Amino acid sequence: MKLNKVFGNNVKYFRFRKKYTQEKVAELTDTSVTYISQLELGHHTPSFEKLELLSKALDVEPFEFYVKRDFKKLPARVDMTNTDE
């Protein structure tokens, strides 16, 4: 798997873990929803500045975005109706 795809899957995973929408992450990182979507799809790679902002917004260390994980299947959307922690 290409590194940009690993990165994108991890952005999506950590975003879901925080129960954030793409809109929320975009707001926290001062980017657009389109940019976050493109990151998750593996179409873009972030600058170091954006990587730091993503890391802070999602509360993970920057290297965590580059760790290959065995995702069975990530859901298409964040379930905002389920508020259980």
PDB file of N, CA and C in Angstrom:
ATOM      1  N   MET A   1       0.848  -1.176   0.000  1.00  0.00           N
ATOM      2  CA  MET A   1       0.000   0.000   0.000  1.00  0.00           C
ATOM      3  C   MET A   1       0.893   1.238   0.000  1.00  0.00           C
ATOM      4  N   LYS A   2       0.533   2.212  -0.789  1.00  0.00           N
ATOM      5  CA  LYS A   2       1.303   3.442  -0.876  1.00  0.00           C
ATOM      6  C   LYS A   2       1.199   4.241   0.417  1.00  0.00           C
ATOM      7  N   LEU A   3       2.262   4.958   0.723  1.00  0.00           N
ATOM      8  CA  LEU A   3       2.334   5.727   1.959  1.00  0.00           C
ATOM      9  C   LEU A   3       1.224   6.779   2.058  1.00  0.00           C
ATOM     10  N   ASN A   4       0.880   7.428   0.934  1.00  0.00           N
ATOM     11  CA  ASN A   4      -0.185   8.440   0.995  1.00  0.00           C
ATOM     12  C   ASN A   4      -1.535   7.809   1.320  1.00  0.00           C
ATOM     13  N   LYS A   5      -1.759   6.573   0.919  1.00  0.00           N
ATOM     14  CA  LYS A   5      -2.999   5.865   1.247  1.00  0.00           C
ATOM     15  C   LYS A   5      -2.999   5.449   2.720  1.00  0.00           C
ATOM     16  N   VAL A   6      -1.852   5.002   3.223  1.00  0.00           N
ATOM     17  CA  VAL A   6      -1.720   4.674   4.645  1.00  0.00           C
ATOM     18  C   VAL A   6      -2.029   5.926   5.463  1.00  0.00           C
ATOM     19  N   PHE A   7      -1.435   7.037   5.055  1.00  0.00           N
ATOM     20  CA  PHE A   7      -1.671   8.306   5.746  1.00  0.00           C
ATOM     21  C   PHE A   7      -3.156   8.653   5.749  1.00  0.00           C
ATOM     22  N   GLY A   8      -3.791   8.584   4.587  1.00  0.00           N
ATOM     23  CA  GLY A   8      -5.208   8.921   4.471  1.00  0.00           C
ATOM     24  C   GLY A   8      -6.106   8.038   5.318  1.00  0.00           C
ATOM     25  N   ASN A   9      -5.840   6.746   5.318  1.00  0.00           N
ATOM     26  CA  ASN A   9      -6.630   5.825   6.146  1.00  0.00           C
ATOM     27  C   ASN A   9      -6.497   6.163   7.628  1.00  0.00           C
ATOM     28  N   ASN A  10      -5.290   6.549   8.026  1.00  0.00           N
ATOM     29  CA  ASN A  10      -5.075   6.894   9.429  1.00  0.00           C
ATOM     30  C   ASN A  10      -5.747   8.214   9.802  1.00  0.00           C
ATOM     31  N   VAL A  11      -5.733   9.181   8.912  1.00  0.00           N
ATOM     32  CA  VAL A  11      -6.455  10.429   9.183  1.00  0.00           C
ATOM     33  C   VAL A  11      -7.928  10.103   9.419  1.00  0.00           C
ATOM     34  N   LYS A  12      -8.483   9.295   8.542  1.00  0.00           N
ATOM     35  CA  LYS A  12      -9.894   8.924   8.665  1.00  0.00           C
ATOM     36  C   LYS A  12     -10.140   8.145   9.964  1.00  0.00           C
ATOM     37  N   TYR A  13      -9.264   7.212  10.270  1.00  0.00           N
ATOM     38  CA  TYR A  13      -9.400   6.413  11.489  1.00  0.00           C
ATOM     39  C   TYR A  13      -9.375   7.294  12.741  1.00  0.00           C
ATOM     40  N   PHE A  14      -8.381   8.152  12.837  1.00  0.00           N
ATOM     41  CA  PHE A  14      -8.274   9.008  14.020  1.00  0.00           C
ATOM     42  C   PHE A  14      -9.416  10.021  14.084  1.00  0.00           C
ATOM     43  N   ARG A  15      -9.873  10.468  12.941  1.00  0.00           N
ATOM     44  CA  ARG A  15     -11.030  11.370  12.904  1.00  0.00           C
ATOM     45  C   ARG A  15     -12.264  10.649  13.430  1.00  0.00           C
ATOM     46  N   PHE A  16     -12.492   9.436  13.008  1.00  0.00           N
ATOM     47  CA  PHE A  16     -13.642   8.655  13.482  1.00  0.00           C
ATOM     48  C   PHE A  16     -13.528   8.377  14.977  1.00  0.00           C
ATOM     49  N   ARG A  17     -12.314   8.099  15.415  1.00  0.00           N
ATOM     50  CA  ARG A  17     -12.098   7.824  16.834  1.00  0.00           C
ATOM     51  C   ARG A  17     -12.486   9.020  17.706  1.00  0.00           C
ATOM     52  N   LYS A  18     -12.256  10.217  17.178  1.00  0.00           N
ATOM     53  CA  LYS A  18     -12.633  11.434  17.901  1.00  0.00           C
ATOM     54  C   LYS A  18     -14.097  11.818  17.639  1.00  0.00           C
ATOM     55  N   LYS A  19     -14.759  11.082  16.732  1.00  0.00           N
ATOM     56  CA  LYS A  19     -16.137  11.376  16.319  1.00  0.00           C
ATOM     57  C   LYS A  19     -16.250  12.766  15.706  1.00  0.00           C
ATOM     58  N   TYR A  20     -15.235  13.120  14.904  1.00  0.00           N
ATOM     59  CA  TYR A  20     -15.214  14.396  14.201  1.00  0.00           C
ATOM     60  C   TYR A  20     -15.653  14.189  12.763  1.00  0.00           C
ATOM     61  N   THR A  21     -16.348  15.161  12.252  1.00  0.00           N
ATOM     62  CA  THR A  21     -16.661  15.177  10.830  1.00  0.00           C
ATOM     63  C   THR A  21     -15.471  15.788  10.094  1.00  0.00           C
ATOM     64  N   GLN A  22     -15.463  15.662   8.786  1.00  0.00           N
ATOM     65  CA  GLN A  22     -14.429  16.327   7.996  1.00  0.00           C
ATOM     66  C   GLN A  22     -14.522  17.835   8.199  1.00  0.00           C
ATOM     67  N   GLU A  23     -15.733  18.329   8.358  1.00  0.00           N
ATOM     68  CA  GLU A  23     -15.928  19.759   8.577  1.00  0.00           C
ATOM     69  C   GLU A  23     -15.237  20.217   9.861  1.00  0.00           C
ATOM     70  N   LYS A  24     -15.350  19.426  10.920  1.00  0.00           N
ATOM     71  CA  LYS A  24     -14.734  19.763  12.197  1.00  0.00           C
ATOM     72  C   LYS A  24     -13.213  19.771  12.070  1.00  0.00           C
ATOM     73  N   VAL A  25     -12.658  18.765  11.414  1.00  0.00           N
ATOM     74  CA  VAL A  25     -11.199  18.704  11.244  1.00  0.00           C
ATOM     75  C   VAL A  25     -10.722  19.873  10.385  1.00  0.00           C
ATOM     76  N   ALA A  26     -11.466  20.191   9.358  1.00  0.00           N
ATOM     77  CA  ALA A  26     -11.111  21.331   8.504  1.00  0.00           C
ATOM     78  C   ALA A  26     -11.092  22.626   9.315  1.00  0.00           C
ATOM     79  N   GLU A  27     -12.081  22.784  10.164  1.00  0.00           N
ATOM     80  CA  GLU A  27     -12.152  23.974  11.016  1.00  0.00           C
ATOM     81  C   GLU A  27     -10.956  24.034  11.972  1.00  0.00           C
ATOM     82  N   LEU A  28     -10.631  22.911  12.596  1.00  0.00           N
ATOM     83  CA  LEU A  28      -9.529  22.869  13.559  1.00  0.00           C
ATOM     84  C   LEU A  28      -8.156  23.061  12.917  1.00  0.00           C
ATOM     85  N   THR A  29      -8.040  22.736  11.645  1.00  0.00           N
ATOM     86  CA  THR A  29      -6.756  22.824  10.953  1.00  0.00           C
ATOM     87  C   THR A  29      -6.683  23.992   9.977  1.00  0.00           C
ATOM     88  N   ASP A  30      -7.727  24.806   9.960  1.00  0.00           N
ATOM     89  CA  ASP A  30      -7.787  25.969   9.072  1.00  0.00           C
ATOM     90  C   ASP A  30      -7.556  25.571   7.610  1.00  0.00           C
ATOM     91  N   THR A  31      -8.266  24.515   7.211  1.00  0.00           N
ATOM     92  CA  THR A  31      -8.223  24.039   5.829  1.00  0.00           C
ATOM     93  C   THR A  31      -9.660  23.889   5.335  1.00  0.00           C
ATOM     94  N   SER A  32      -9.820  23.353   4.151  1.00  0.00           N
ATOM     95  CA  SER A  32     -11.158  23.131   3.607  1.00  0.00           C
ATOM     96  C   SER A  32     -11.571  21.667   3.776  1.00  0.00           C
ATOM     97  N   VAL A  33     -12.858  21.433   3.698  1.00  0.00           N
ATOM     98  CA  VAL A  33     -13.383  20.068   3.745  1.00  0.00           C
ATOM     99  C   VAL A  33     -12.837  19.269   2.562  1.00  0.00           C
ATOM    100  N   THR A  34     -12.733  19.912   1.425  1.00  0.00           N
ATOM    101  CA  THR A  34     -12.196  19.251   0.230  1.00  0.00           C
ATOM    102  C   THR A  34     -10.768  18.776   0.473  1.00  0.00           C
ATOM    103  N   TYR A  35      -9.969  19.603   1.123  1.00  0.00           N
ATOM    104  CA  TYR A  35      -8.586  19.230   1.421  1.00  0.00           C
ATOM    105  C   TYR A  35      -8.539  18.001   2.336  1.00  0.00           C
ATOM    106  N   ILE A  36      -9.363  17.994   3.387  1.00  0.00           N
ATOM    107  CA  ILE A  36      -9.395  16.850   4.308  1.00  0.00           C
ATOM    108  C   ILE A  36      -9.837  15.598   3.562  1.00  0.00           C
ATOM    109  N   SER A  37     -10.838  15.723   2.721  1.00  0.00           N
ATOM    110  CA  SER A  37     -11.310  14.599   1.924  1.00  0.00           C
ATOM    111  C   SER A  37     -10.200  14.064   1.016  1.00  0.00           C
ATOM    112  N   GLN A  38      -9.479  14.975   0.376  1.00  0.00           N
ATOM    113  CA  GLN A  38      -8.398  14.568  -0.518  1.00  0.00           C
ATOM    114  C   GLN A  38      -7.257  13.890   0.253  1.00  0.00           C
ATOM    115  N   LEU A  39      -6.993  14.355   1.475  1.00  0.00           N
ATOM    116  CA  LEU A  39      -5.989  13.678   2.320  1.00  0.00           C
ATOM    117  C   LEU A  39      -6.422  12.255   2.620  1.00  0.00           C
ATOM    118  N   GLU A  40      -7.683  12.107   3.018  1.00  0.00           N
ATOM    119  CA  GLU A  40      -8.190  10.776   3.380  1.00  0.00           C
ATOM    120  C   GLU A  40      -8.190   9.819   2.195  1.00  0.00           C
ATOM    121  N   LEU A  41      -8.366  10.348   1.013  1.00  0.00           N
ATOM    122  CA  LEU A  41      -8.360   9.510  -0.188  1.00  0.00           C
ATOM    123  C   LEU A  41      -6.938   9.207  -0.675  1.00  0.00           C
ATOM    124  N   GLY A  42      -5.956   9.865  -0.078  1.00  0.00           N
ATOM    125  CA  GLY A  42      -4.570   9.648  -0.483  1.00  0.00           C
ATOM    126  C   GLY A  42      -4.174  10.447  -1.700  1.00  0.00           C
ATOM    127  N   HIS A  43      -4.913  11.486  -2.026  1.00  0.00           N
ATOM    128  CA  HIS A  43      -4.617  12.298  -3.200  1.00  0.00           C
ATOM    129  C   HIS A  43      -3.656  13.445  -2.920  1.00  0.00           C
ATOM    130  N   HIS A  44      -3.475  13.770  -1.644  1.00  0.00           N
ATOM    131  CA  HIS A  44      -2.551  14.839  -1.249  1.00  0.00           C
ATOM    132  C   HIS A  44      -1.699  14.359  -0.088  1.00  0.00           C
ATOM    133  N   THR A  45      -0.548  14.977   0.058  1.00  0.00           N
ATOM    134  CA  THR A  45       0.271  14.788   1.249  1.00  0.00           C
ATOM    135  C   THR A  45       0.422  16.156   1.900  1.00  0.00           C
ATOM    136  N   PRO A  46       0.352  16.202   3.214  1.00  0.00           N
ATOM    137  CA  PRO A  46       0.387  17.496   3.886  1.00  0.00           C
ATOM    138  C   PRO A  46       1.804  18.030   4.058  1.00  0.00           C
ATOM    139  N   SER A  47       1.892  19.337   4.203  1.00  0.00           N
ATOM    140  CA  SER A  47       3.161  19.955   4.588  1.00  0.00           C
ATOM    141  C   SER A  47       3.404  19.614   6.058  1.00  0.00           C
ATOM    142  N   PHE A  48       4.597  19.883   6.536  1.00  0.00           N
ATOM    143  CA  PHE A  48       4.881  19.646   7.956  1.00  0.00           C
ATOM    144  C   PHE A  48       3.966  20.498   8.833  1.00  0.00           C
ATOM    145  N   GLU A  49       3.683  21.712   8.399  1.00  0.00           N
ATOM    146  CA  GLU A  49       2.792  22.593   9.163  1.00  0.00           C
ATOM    147  C   GLU A  49       1.410  21.974   9.292  1.00  0.00           C
ATOM    148  N   LYS A  50       0.869  21.466   8.189  1.00  0.00           N
ATOM    149  CA  LYS A  50      -0.459  20.846   8.222  1.00  0.00           C
ATOM    150  C   LYS A  50      -0.429  19.544   9.018  1.00  0.00           C
ATOM    151  N   LEU A  51       0.660  18.807   8.924  1.00  0.00           N
ATOM    152  CA  LEU A  51       0.802  17.576   9.694  1.00  0.00           C
ATOM    153  C   LEU A  51       0.746  17.878  11.193  1.00  0.00           C
ATOM    154  N   GLU A  52       1.417  18.934  11.613  1.00  0.00           N
ATOM    155  CA  GLU A  52       1.380  19.330  13.023  1.00  0.00           C
ATOM    156  C   GLU A  52      -0.032  19.732  13.438  1.00  0.00           C
ATOM    157  N   LEU A  53      -0.738  20.460  12.578  1.00  0.00           N
ATOM    158  CA  LEU A  53      -2.108  20.871  12.889  1.00  0.00           C
ATOM    159  C   LEU A  53      -3.038  19.666  12.989  1.00  0.00           C
ATOM    160  N   LEU A  54      -2.899  18.720  12.064  1.00  0.00           N
ATOM    161  CA  LEU A  54      -3.707  17.491  12.115  1.00  0.00           C
ATOM    162  C   LEU A  54      -3.414  16.698  13.382  1.00  0.00           C
ATOM    163  N   SER A  55      -2.138  16.598  13.706  1.00  0.00           N
ATOM    164  CA  SER A  55      -1.726  15.866  14.897  1.00  0.00           C
ATOM    165  C   SER A  55      -2.357  16.468  16.149  1.00  0.00           C
ATOM    166  N   LYS A  56      -2.321  17.766  16.245  1.00  0.00           N
ATOM    167  CA  LYS A  56      -2.904  18.452  17.400  1.00  0.00           C
ATOM    168  C   LYS A  56      -4.427  18.305  17.413  1.00  0.00           C
ATOM    169  N   ALA A  57      -5.056  18.479  16.271  1.00  0.00           N
ATOM    170  CA  ALA A  57      -6.523  18.409  16.174  1.00  0.00           C
ATOM    171  C   ALA A  57      -7.042  17.019  16.530  1.00  0.00           C
ATOM    172  N   LEU A  58      -6.307  15.978  16.122  1.00  0.00           N
ATOM    173  CA  LEU A  58      -6.764  14.606  16.338  1.00  0.00           C
ATOM    174  C   LEU A  58      -6.115  13.954  17.559  1.00  0.00           C
ATOM    175  N   ASP A  59      -5.254  14.718  18.231  1.00  0.00           N
ATOM    176  CA  ASP A  59      -4.635  14.281  19.477  1.00  0.00           C
ATOM    177  C   ASP A  59      -3.825  12.996  19.310  1.00  0.00           C
ATOM    178  N   VAL A  60      -2.965  12.984  18.290  1.00  0.00           N
ATOM    179  CA  VAL A  60      -2.060  11.851  18.046  1.00  0.00           C
ATOM    180  C   VAL A  60      -0.682  12.391  17.694  1.00  0.00           C
ATOM    181  N   GLU A  61       0.327  11.577  17.871  1.00  0.00           N
ATOM    182  CA  GLU A  61       1.676  11.952  17.469  1.00  0.00           C
ATOM    183  C   GLU A  61       1.772  11.893  15.942  1.00  0.00           C
ATOM    184  N   PRO A  62       2.532  12.783  15.323  1.00  0.00           N
ATOM    185  CA  PRO A  62       2.613  12.806  13.857  1.00  0.00           C
ATOM    186  C   PRO A  62       2.981  11.473  13.212  1.00  0.00           C
ATOM    187  N   PHE A  63       3.888  10.724  13.831  1.00  0.00           N
ATOM    188  CA  PHE A  63       4.305   9.456  13.221  1.00  0.00           C
ATOM    189  C   PHE A  63       3.160   8.453  13.115  1.00  0.00           C
ATOM    190  N   GLU A  64       2.145   8.591  13.977  1.00  0.00           N
ATOM    191  CA  GLU A  64       1.015   7.658  13.980  1.00  0.00           C
ATOM    192  C   GLU A  64       0.283   7.638  12.636  1.00  0.00           C
ATOM    193  N   PHE A  65       0.345   8.722  11.892  1.00  0.00           N
ATOM    194  CA  PHE A  65      -0.328   8.777  10.591  1.00  0.00           C
ATOM    195  C   PHE A  65       0.347   7.874   9.558  1.00  0.00           C
ATOM    196  N   TYR A  66       1.578   7.471   9.817  1.00  0.00           N
ATOM    197  CA  TYR A  66       2.345   6.682   8.854  1.00  0.00           C
ATOM    198  C   TYR A  66       2.490   5.214   9.242  1.00  0.00           C
ATOM    199  N   VAL A  67       1.818   4.793  10.295  1.00  0.00           N
ATOM    200  CA  VAL A  67       1.870   3.396  10.727  1.00  0.00           C
ATOM    201  C   VAL A  67       0.798   2.613   9.977  1.00  0.00           C
ATOM    202  N   LYS A  68       1.231   1.575   9.275  1.00  0.00           N
ATOM    203  CA  LYS A  68       0.284   0.750   8.525  1.00  0.00           C
ATOM    204  C   LYS A  68      -0.526  -0.095   9.502  1.00  0.00           C
ATOM    205  N   ARG A  69      -1.847  -0.007   9.382  1.00  0.00           N
ATOM    206  CA  ARG A  69      -2.750  -0.752  10.254  1.00  0.00           C
ATOM    207  C   ARG A  69      -3.603  -1.691   9.401  1.00  0.00           C
ATOM    208  N   ASP A  70      -4.108  -2.712  10.040  1.00  0.00           N
ATOM    209  CA  ASP A  70      -4.951  -3.679   9.343  1.00  0.00           C
ATOM    210  C   ASP A  70      -6.425  -3.293   9.530  1.00  0.00           C
ATOM    211  N   PHE A  71      -6.868  -2.346   8.725  1.00  0.00           N
ATOM    212  CA  PHE A  71      -8.263  -1.936   8.791  1.00  0.00           C
ATOM    213  C   PHE A  71      -9.093  -2.906   7.967  1.00  0.00           C
ATOM    214  N   LYS A  72     -10.102  -3.484   8.583  1.00  0.00           N
ATOM    215  CA  LYS A  72     -11.005  -4.359   7.828  1.00  0.00           C
ATOM    216  C   LYS A  72     -11.837  -3.505   6.878  1.00  0.00           C
ATOM    217  N   LYS A  73     -12.514  -2.523   7.442  1.00  0.00           N
ATOM    218  CA  LYS A  73     -13.272  -1.596   6.628  1.00  0.00           C
ATOM    219  C   LYS A  73     -13.639  -0.397   7.491  1.00  0.00           C
ATOM    220  N   LEU A  74     -13.284   0.765   7.009  1.00  0.00           N
ATOM    221  CA  LEU A  74     -13.662   1.982   7.723  1.00  0.00           C
ATOM    222  C   LEU A  74     -15.062   2.377   7.289  1.00  0.00           C
ATOM    223  N   PRO A  75     -15.888   2.831   8.221  1.00  0.00           N
ATOM    224  CA  PRO A  75     -17.227   3.276   7.823  1.00  0.00           C
ATOM    225  C   PRO A  75     -17.140   4.488   6.902  1.00  0.00           C
ATOM    226  N   ALA A  76     -18.164   4.688   6.108  1.00  0.00           N
ATOM    227  CA  ALA A  76     -18.172   5.795   5.158  1.00  0.00           C
ATOM    228  C   ALA A  76     -18.352   7.138   5.852  1.00  0.00           C
ATOM    229  N   ARG A  77     -19.083   7.137   6.954  1.00  0.00           N
ATOM    230  CA  ARG A  77     -19.370   8.393   7.652  1.00  0.00           C
ATOM    231  C   ARG A  77     -19.282   8.201   9.155  1.00  0.00           C
ATOM    232  N   VAL A  78     -19.091   9.323   9.836  1.00  0.00           N
ATOM    233  CA  VAL A  78     -19.118   9.319  11.291  1.00  0.00           C
ATOM    234  C   VAL A  78     -20.569   9.262  11.725  1.00  0.00           C
ATOM    235  N   ASP A  79     -20.893   8.340  12.646  1.00  0.00           N
ATOM    236  CA  ASP A  79     -22.237   8.240  13.173  1.00  0.00           C
ATOM    237  C   ASP A  79     -22.392   9.262  14.299  1.00  0.00           C
ATOM    238  N   MET A  80     -22.964  10.406  13.982  1.00  0.00           N
ATOM    239  CA  MET A  80     -23.094  11.480  14.957  1.00  0.00           C
ATOM    240  C   MET A  80     -24.270  11.239  15.900  1.00  0.00           C
ATOM    241  N   THR A  81     -25.072  10.202  15.650  1.00  0.00           N
ATOM    242  CA  THR A  81     -26.201   9.897  16.536  1.00  0.00           C
ATOM    243  C   THR A  81     -25.765   9.059  17.718  1.00  0.00           C
ATOM    244  N   ASN A  82     -24.654   8.347  17.586  1.00  0.00           N
ATOM    245  CA  ASN A  82     -24.135   7.504  18.661  1.00  0.00           C
ATOM    246  C   ASN A  82     -23.145   8.330  19.477  1.00  0.00           C
ATOM    247  N   THR A  83     -23.549   8.744  20.661  1.00  0.00           N
ATOM    248  CA  THR A  83     -22.708   9.598  21.487  1.00  0.00           C
ATOM    249  C   THR A  83     -22.024   8.835  22.604  1.00  0.00           C
ATOM    250  N   ASP A  84     -22.113   7.506  22.603  1.00  0.00           N
ATOM    251  CA  ASP A  84     -21.438   6.694  23.629  1.00  0.00           C
ATOM    252  C   ASP A  84     -19.940   6.827  23.480  1.00  0.00           C
ATOM    253  N   GLU A  85     -19.260   7.006  24.563  1.00  0.00           N
ATOM    254  CA  GLU A  85     -17.794   7.118  24.543  1.00  0.00           C
ATOM    255  C   GLU A  85     -17.186   5.769  24.782  1.00  0.00           C
TER     256      GLU A  85
END
